[in-house]
C-alpha atoms as a PDB file:
ATOM      1  CA  ASP A   1      -0.057   0.229  -0.009  1.00  0.00           C
ATOM      2  CA  TRP A   2       2.002   2.963  -1.619  1.00  0.00           C
ATOM      3  CA  ASN A   3       0.097   5.655   0.288  1.00  0.00           C
ATOM      4  CA  VAL A   4       0.296   4.106   3.965  1.00  0.00           C
ATOM      5  CA  THR A   5       4.018   3.064   3.254  1.00  0.00           C
ATOM      6  CA  ALA A   6       4.782   6.629   2.414  1.00  0.00           C
ATOM      7  CA  ARG A   7       3.186   8.099   5.273  1.00  0.00           C
ATOM      8  CA  PHE A   8       4.852   5.878   7.928  1.00  0.00           C
ATOM      9  CA  GLN A   9       8.140   5.105   6.336  1.00  0.00           C
ATOM     10  CA  SER A  10       7.652   1.490   6.499  1.00  0.00           C
ATOM     11  CA  PRO A  11       6.386  -1.029   4.079  1.00  0.00           C
ATOM     12  CA  TYR A  12       2.746  -1.913   4.383  1.00  0.00           C
ATOM     13  CA  VAL A  13       0.957  -4.532   2.282  1.00  0.00           C
ATOM     14  CA  ARG A  14      -2.895  -4.132   1.799  1.00  0.00           C
ATOM     15  CA  ASP A  15      -4.399  -7.508   2.396  1.00  0.00           C
ATOM     16  CA  THR A  16      -8.023  -7.624   1.017  1.00  0.00           C
ATOM     17  CA  ILE A  17     -10.545  -9.911   2.997  1.00  0.00           C
ATOM     18  CA  ALA A  18     -13.460 -10.901   1.103  1.00  0.00           C
ATOM     19  CA  ASP A  19     -16.854  -9.718   2.932  1.00  0.00           C
ATOM     20  CA  ARG A  20     -19.060 -12.952   2.165  1.00  0.00           C
ATOM     21  CA  GLU A  21     -22.697 -12.429   2.165  1.00  0.00           C
ATOM     22  CA  LEU A  22     -24.464 -13.977   5.173  1.00  0.00           C
ATOM     23  CA  GLU A  23     -27.799 -15.905   4.770  1.00  0.00           C
ATOM     24  CA  THR A  24     -29.803 -15.874   7.932  1.00  0.00           C
ATOM     25  CA  TRP A  25     -32.643 -18.194   8.778  1.00  0.00           C
ATOM     26  CA  ALA A  26     -35.226 -18.044  11.408  1.00  0.00           C
ATOM     27  CA  VAL A  27     -37.199 -21.170  12.188  1.00  0.00           C
ATOM     28  CA  VAL A  28     -40.350 -19.518  14.295  1.00  0.00           C
ATOM     29  CA  ASP A  29     -42.853 -21.571  16.115  1.00  0.00           C
ATOM     30  CA  VAL A  30     -46.208 -20.326  15.562  1.00  0.00           C
ATOM     31  CA  GLY A  31     -48.151 -23.142  17.293  1.00  0.00           C
ATOM     32  CA  PRO A  32     -50.970 -23.037  19.771  1.00  0.00           C
ATOM     33  CA  SER A  33     -48.841 -23.516  22.412  1.00  0.00           C
ATOM     34  CA  MET A  34     -47.227 -20.150  21.991  1.00  0.00           C
ATOM     35  CA  ASP A  35     -50.471 -18.362  22.257  1.00  0.00           C
ATOM     36  CA  PHE A  36     -50.161 -18.274  26.070  1.00  0.00           C
ATOM     37  CA  GLY A  37     -48.607 -15.383  28.468  1.00  0.00           C
ATOM     38  CA  THR A  38     -49.009 -14.564  32.100  1.00  0.00           C
ATOM     39  CA  ALA A  39     -46.070 -11.757  32.227  1.00  0.00           C
ATOM     40  CA  PHE A  40     -45.785  -8.976  30.044  1.00  0.00           C
ATOM     41  CA  CYS A  41     -46.730 -10.698  26.993  1.00  0.00           C
ATOM     42  CA  GLU A  42     -47.544 -13.798  24.991  1.00  0.00           C
ATOM     43  CA  LYS A  43     -45.079 -16.228  24.043  1.00  0.00           C
ATOM     44  CA  ARG A  44     -45.807 -15.579  20.393  1.00  0.00           C
ATOM     45  CA  ASP A  45     -44.854 -12.068  20.964  1.00  0.00           C
ATOM     46  CA  LEU A  46     -41.581 -12.620  22.468  1.00  0.00           C
ATOM     47  CA  ALA A  47     -40.962 -15.203  19.586  1.00  0.00           C
ATOM     48  CA  ALA A  48     -41.580 -12.377  17.024  1.00  0.00           C
ATOM     49  CA  SER A  49     -39.242 -10.074  18.990  1.00  0.00           C
ATOM     50  CA  ALA A  50     -36.647 -12.476  18.929  1.00  0.00           C
ATOM     51  CA  ALA A  51     -36.936 -12.805  15.290  1.00  0.00           C
ATOM     52  CA  ALA A  52     -37.046  -9.181  14.683  1.00  0.00           C
ATOM     53  CA  ALA A  53     -33.681  -8.855  17.046  1.00  0.00           C
ATOM     54  CA  VAL A  54     -31.932 -11.517  14.721  1.00  0.00           C
ATOM     55  CA  GLY A  55     -33.088  -9.815  11.567  1.00  0.00           C
ATOM     56  CA  PHE A  56     -31.782  -6.501  12.272  1.00  0.00           C
ATOM     57  CA  LEU A  57     -28.618  -7.647  13.948  1.00  0.00           C
ATOM     58  CA  THR A  58     -27.786  -9.328  10.585  1.00  0.00           C
ATOM     59  CA  SER A  59     -29.157  -6.824   8.297  1.00  0.00           C
ATOM     60  CA  ARG A  60     -26.566  -5.200   6.047  1.00  0.00           C
ATOM     61  CA  THR A  61     -25.866  -4.725   2.340  1.00  0.00           C
ATOM     62  CA  GLY A  62     -25.592  -7.949   0.447  1.00  0.00           C
ATOM     63  CA  ASN A  63     -27.054 -10.329   3.458  1.00  0.00           C
ATOM     64  CA  ARG A  64     -30.197 -12.278   3.145  1.00  0.00           C
ATOM     65  CA  PHE A  65     -32.929 -13.228   5.638  1.00  0.00           C
ATOM     66  CA  GLY A  66     -35.565 -15.791   5.531  1.00  0.00           C
ATOM     67  CA  ALA A  67     -37.906 -17.561   7.942  1.00  0.00           C
ATOM     68  CA  VAL A  68     -39.665 -21.093   8.247  1.00  0.00           C
ATOM     69  CA  LEU A  69     -43.028 -20.643  10.062  1.00  0.00           C
ATOM     70  CA  ALA A  70     -43.742 -23.926  12.005  1.00  0.00           C
ATOM     71  CA  SER A  71     -47.404 -24.214  12.058  1.00  0.00           C
ATOM     72  CA  PRO A  72     -49.883 -27.232  12.985  1.00  0.00           C
ATOM     73  CA  THR A  73     -51.068 -26.938   9.345  1.00  0.00           C
ATOM     74  CA  GLY A  74     -47.428 -27.680   8.015  1.00  0.00           C
ATOM     75  CA  PRO A  75     -44.254 -25.498   7.692  1.00  0.00           C
ATOM     76  CA  VAL A  76     -44.434 -22.162   5.546  1.00  0.00           C
ATOM     77  CA  VAL A  77     -41.216 -21.141   3.900  1.00  0.00           C
ATOM     78  CA  LEU A  78     -40.586 -17.536   3.441  1.00  0.00           C
ATOM     79  CA  PRO A  79     -37.548 -17.451   1.063  1.00  0.00           C
ATOM     80  CA  ALA A  80     -34.391 -15.477   2.104  1.00  0.00           C
ATOM     81  CA  ARG A  81     -33.903 -12.317   0.280  1.00  0.00           C
ATOM     82  CA  GLY A  82     -31.809  -9.307   1.038  1.00  0.00           C
ATOM     83  CA  GLY A  83     -33.161  -5.713   1.848  1.00  0.00           C
ATOM     84  CA  ARG A  84     -34.920  -4.045   4.598  1.00  0.00           C
ATOM     85  CA  SER A  85     -38.266  -4.163   2.733  1.00  0.00           C
ATOM     86  CA  ASN A  86     -38.236  -8.035   2.715  1.00  0.00           C
ATOM     87  CA  LEU A  87     -37.043  -8.379   6.552  1.00  0.00           C
ATOM     88  CA  MET A  88     -40.020  -5.922   7.384  1.00  0.00           C
ATOM     89  CA  ALA A  89     -42.415  -8.268   5.321  1.00  0.00           C
ATOM     90  CA  THR A  90     -41.039 -11.308   6.771  1.00  0.00           C
ATOM     91  CA  LEU A  91     -41.690 -10.096  10.483  1.00  0.00           C
ATOM     92  CA  HIS A  92     -45.073  -9.000   9.446  1.00  0.00           C
ATOM     93  CA  ARG A  93     -45.888 -12.269   8.234  1.00  0.00           C
ATOM     94  CA  VAL A  94     -44.609 -14.062  11.543  1.00  0.00           C
ATOM     95  CA  VAL A  95     -46.671 -11.295  13.758  1.00  0.00           C
ATOM     96  CA  ASP A  96     -49.784 -11.856  11.386  1.00  0.00           C
ATOM     97  CA  THR A  97     -49.912 -15.808  11.362  1.00  0.00           C
ATOM     98  CA  PRO A  98     -53.295 -16.706  12.203  1.00  0.00           C
ATOM     99  CA  ARG A  99     -53.886 -18.493  15.514  1.00  0.00           C
ATOM    100  CA  LEU A 100     -55.285 -21.932  15.453  1.00  0.00           C
ATOM    101  CA  ASP A 101     -57.589 -23.462  18.013  1.00  0.00           C
ATOM    102  CA  GLY A 102     -55.573 -26.866  18.205  1.00  0.00           C
ATOM    103  CA  GLY A 103     -53.215 -29.108  16.741  1.00  0.00           C
ATOM    104  CA  GLN A 104     -49.420 -29.812  17.254  1.00  0.00           C
ATOM    105  CA  VAL A 105     -46.351 -28.374  15.585  1.00  0.00           C
ATOM    106  CA  ASP A 106     -43.916 -30.775  13.942  1.00  0.00           C
ATOM    107  CA  LEU A 107     -40.786 -28.908  14.794  1.00  0.00           C
ATOM    108  CA  GLY A 108     -38.711 -31.777  12.934  1.00  0.00           C
ATOM    109  CA  LEU A 109     -40.583 -31.459   9.694  1.00  0.00           C
ATOM    110  CA  ALA A 110     -40.042 -27.669   9.916  1.00  0.00           C
ATOM    111  CA  LEU A 111     -36.381 -28.126  10.520  1.00  0.00           C
ATOM    112  CA  ASP A 112     -36.084 -30.417   7.648  1.00  0.00           C
ATOM    113  CA  ARG A 113     -37.904 -28.165   5.364  1.00  0.00           C
ATOM    114  CA  LEU A 114     -35.192 -25.491   6.245  1.00  0.00           C
ATOM    115  CA  GLY A 115     -32.478 -27.816   5.422  1.00  0.00           C
ATOM    116  CA  ALA A 116     -34.084 -28.270   2.098  1.00  0.00           C
ATOM    117  CA  SER A 117     -34.249 -24.332   1.395  1.00  0.00           C
ATOM    118  CA  ALA A 118     -31.107 -23.150   2.847  1.00  0.00           C
ATOM    119  CA  ARG A 119     -28.506 -23.985   0.008  1.00  0.00           C
ATOM    120  CA  ARG A 120     -26.040 -22.005   1.380  1.00  0.00           C
ATOM    121  CA  ARG A 121     -23.996 -22.069   4.813  1.00  0.00           C
ATOM    122  CA  GLY A 122     -25.361 -19.498   7.295  1.00  0.00           C
ATOM    123  CA  LEU A 123     -27.114 -18.605  10.656  1.00  0.00           C
ATOM    124  CA  VAL A 124     -30.013 -20.553  11.735  1.00  0.00           C
ATOM    125  CA  THR A 125     -31.991 -19.483  14.674  1.00  0.00           C
ATOM    126  CA  VAL A 126     -34.792 -21.776  16.160  1.00  0.00           C
ATOM    127  CA  ILE A 127     -37.373 -20.036  18.148  1.00  0.00           C
ATOM    128  CA  SER A 128     -39.722 -22.142  19.949  1.00  0.00           C
ATOM    129  CA  ASP A 129     -41.061 -23.181  23.478  1.00  0.00           C
ATOM    130  CA  LEU A 130     -39.481 -26.685  22.621  1.00  0.00           C
ATOM    131  CA  LEU A 131     -42.270 -28.365  24.536  1.00  0.00           C
ATOM    132  CA  THR A 132     -42.778 -31.488  22.174  1.00  0.00           C
ATOM    133  CA  ASP A 133     -40.727 -34.386  22.921  1.00  0.00           C
ATOM    134  CA  PRO A 134     -36.824 -33.574  21.943  1.00  0.00           C
ATOM    135  CA  ASP A 135     -36.779 -37.099  20.175  1.00  0.00           C
ATOM    136  CA  GLU A 136     -39.068 -35.540  17.513  1.00  0.00           C
ATOM    137  CA  TRP A 137     -37.108 -32.459  16.678  1.00  0.00           C
ATOM    138  CA  ALA A 138     -33.337 -33.337  17.888  1.00  0.00           C
ATOM    139  CA  PRO A 139     -32.440 -35.307  14.822  1.00  0.00           C
ATOM    140  CA  ALA A 140     -33.509 -32.858  12.357  1.00  0.00           C
ATOM    141  CA  LEU A 141     -31.782 -30.231  14.579  1.00  0.00           C
ATOM    142  CA  ARG A 142     -28.500 -32.302  14.385  1.00  0.00           C
ATOM    143  CA  ARG A 143     -28.574 -32.378  10.747  1.00  0.00           C
ATOM    144  CA  VAL A 144     -29.093 -28.535  10.464  1.00  0.00           C
ATOM    145  CA  ALA A 145     -26.324 -27.694  13.051  1.00  0.00           C
ATOM    146  CA  ALA A 146     -23.692 -29.753  10.914  1.00  0.00           C
ATOM    147  CA  ARG A 147     -24.141 -27.625   8.205  1.00  0.00           C
ATOM    148  CA  HIS A 148     -25.187 -24.120   9.742  1.00  0.00           C
ATOM    149  CA  GLU A 149     -24.331 -21.918  12.608  1.00  0.00           C
ATOM    150  CA  THR A 150     -27.329 -22.674  14.768  1.00  0.00           C
ATOM    151  CA  ILE A 151     -28.607 -21.150  17.875  1.00  0.00           C
ATOM    152  CA  ALA A 152     -32.026 -21.857  19.648  1.00  0.00           C
ATOM    153  CA  ILE A 153     -33.975 -19.369  21.685  1.00  0.00           C
ATOM    154  CA  GLU A 154     -36.187 -21.212  24.014  1.00  0.00           C
ATOM    155  CA  ILE A 155     -39.218 -18.998  24.918  1.00  0.00           C
ATOM    156  CA  ILE A 156     -40.604 -19.769  28.391  1.00  0.00           C
ATOM    157  CA  ASP A 157     -43.554 -18.186  30.504  1.00  0.00           C
ATOM    158  CA  PRO A 158     -42.983 -18.141  34.373  1.00  0.00           C
ATOM    159  CA  ARG A 159     -46.318 -20.212  34.706  1.00  0.00           C
ATOM    160  CA  GLU A 160     -44.479 -23.108  32.957  1.00  0.00           C
ATOM    161  CA  LEU A 161     -42.001 -23.263  35.653  1.00  0.00           C
ATOM    162  CA  GLU A 162     -43.944 -23.131  38.556  1.00  0.00           C
ATOM    163  CA  LEU A 163     -47.628 -22.744  39.809  1.00  0.00           C
ATOM    164  CA  PRO A 164     -48.922 -20.156  42.002  1.00  0.00           C
ATOM    165  CA  ASP A 165     -51.226 -20.930  44.898  1.00  0.00           C
ATOM    166  CA  VAL A 166     -54.476 -19.533  43.593  1.00  0.00           C
ATOM    167  CA  GLY A 167     -56.945 -22.152  44.808  1.00  0.00           C
ATOM    168  CA  LEU A 168     -58.803 -24.156  42.110  1.00  0.00           C
ATOM    169  CA  LEU A 169     -57.613 -23.362  38.434  1.00  0.00           C
ATOM    170  CA  SER A 170     -58.970 -24.164  35.366  1.00  0.00           C
ATOM    171  CA  VAL A 171     -56.582 -24.884  32.709  1.00  0.00           C
ATOM    172  CA  VAL A 172     -56.820 -25.792  28.973  1.00  0.00           C
ATOM    173  CA  ASP A 173     -54.394 -27.454  26.712  1.00  0.00           C
ATOM    174  CA  PRO A 174     -54.345 -25.215  23.835  1.00  0.00           C
ATOM    175  CA  ARG A 175     -53.253 -28.142  21.187  1.00  0.00           C
ATOM    176  CA  SER A 176     -55.968 -30.340  22.412  1.00  0.00           C
ATOM    177  CA  GLY A 177     -58.650 -28.131  23.798  1.00  0.00           C
ATOM    178  CA  ARG A 178     -58.640 -30.570  27.007  1.00  0.00           C
ATOM    179  CA  THR A 179     -59.492 -28.888  30.410  1.00  0.00           C
ATOM    180  CA  ARG A 180     -58.516 -29.750  33.670  1.00  0.00           C
ATOM    181  CA  GLU A 181     -59.122 -28.445  37.077  1.00  0.00           C
ATOM    182  CA  ILE A 182     -55.915 -28.277  39.130  1.00  0.00           C
ATOM    183  CA  PRO A 183     -55.952 -27.691  43.003  1.00  0.00           C
ATOM    184  CA  THR A 184     -53.053 -25.522  43.198  1.00  0.00           C
ATOM    185  CA  ALA A 185     -53.441 -24.908  47.013  1.00  0.00           C
ATOM    186  CA  SER A 186     -51.752 -28.468  47.111  1.00  0.00           C
ATOM    187  CA  LYS A 187     -47.987 -28.168  48.212  1.00  0.00           C
ATOM    188  CA  LYS A 188     -47.412 -31.453  46.958  1.00  0.00           C
ATOM    189  CA  LEU A 189     -48.908 -30.928  43.447  1.00  0.00           C
ATOM    190  CA  ARG A 190     -46.904 -27.442  43.060  1.00  0.00           C
ATOM    191  CA  ALA A 191     -43.656 -29.356  44.303  1.00  0.00           C
ATOM    192  CA  ARG A 192     -44.218 -32.177  41.672  1.00  0.00           C
ATOM    193  CA  TYR A 193     -45.130 -29.500  38.884  1.00  0.00           C
ATOM    194  CA  ALA A 194     -41.931 -27.623  39.520  1.00  0.00           C
ATOM    195  CA  ALA A 195     -39.684 -30.865  39.592  1.00  0.00           C
ATOM    196  CA  ALA A 196     -41.389 -32.043  36.199  1.00  0.00           C
ATOM    197  CA  ALA A 197     -40.763 -28.697  34.617  1.00  0.00           C
ATOM    198  CA  ALA A 198     -37.210 -28.733  35.776  1.00  0.00           C
ATOM    199  CA  GLU A 199     -36.723 -32.165  34.375  1.00  0.00           C
ATOM    200  CA  GLN A 200     -38.160 -31.160  31.245  1.00  0.00           C
ATOM    201  CA  ARG A 201     -35.925 -28.106  30.800  1.00  0.00           C
ATOM    202  CA  ALA A 202     -32.699 -30.424  31.622  1.00  0.00           C
ATOM    203  CA  ARG A 203     -33.710 -32.714  28.969  1.00  0.00           C
ATOM    204  CA  ILE A 204     -34.129 -30.009  26.449  1.00  0.00           C
ATOM    205  CA  ALA A 205     -31.028 -28.426  27.545  1.00  0.00           C
ATOM    206  CA  GLU A 206     -29.280 -31.702  27.002  1.00  0.00           C
ATOM    207  CA  SER A 207     -30.792 -32.336  23.558  1.00  0.00           C
ATOM    208  CA  LEU A 208     -29.625 -28.717  22.326  1.00  0.00           C
ATOM    209  CA  ARG A 209     -25.892 -29.797  23.662  1.00  0.00           C
ATOM    210  CA  ALA A 210     -25.982 -33.020  22.007  1.00  0.00           C
ATOM    211  CA  ALA A 211     -26.898 -31.329  18.711  1.00  0.00           C
ATOM    212  CA  GLY A 212     -24.232 -28.798  19.035  1.00  0.00           C
ATOM    213  CA  VAL A 213     -26.363 -25.865  19.271  1.00  0.00           C
ATOM    214  CA  ASP A 214     -26.007 -22.909  21.624  1.00  0.00           C
END
């Protein structure tokens, strides 16, 4: 680099490093279990915020952003494209995905669909409550992580970790519509609930580590 060499009176060599385009994908769970929230927002809203954060953090000239919406009716692929207008349109689709009264998300199928759509190596973010059996999605997640830099954002509501003592509580499973009466005044029941939730989260964490996912 003759200009820098002339200024500093010492030889400088310009080493050009190619700035490769980054392709980012977000797998967003939009199933009925995400339509739940007891704190500041529903889990669905938090998932949309997480997708927006990833999109804006990786948004720059030449980069592309795409999404796979994991729905009970099947995965919906929003192709990865560049530009702020595409990013905003993709996030708009995430936010405006219709709510369904029942059904269960096949996260493994959504991840396999991503693997078929994401031809280039890039960044994959999986945004879900991960409440289905890890055996159903862990193999597909391992396949994705073997090719892409992969992170998981686990969306959790406080009431999914422990129950408050509020007397007899009527709860509804959003996936099946099943209703149950839960006597939350029982200390034994609350302790069993917290232990089961901790065991579930530990299994999810182990499945993510085994897949090589952060």
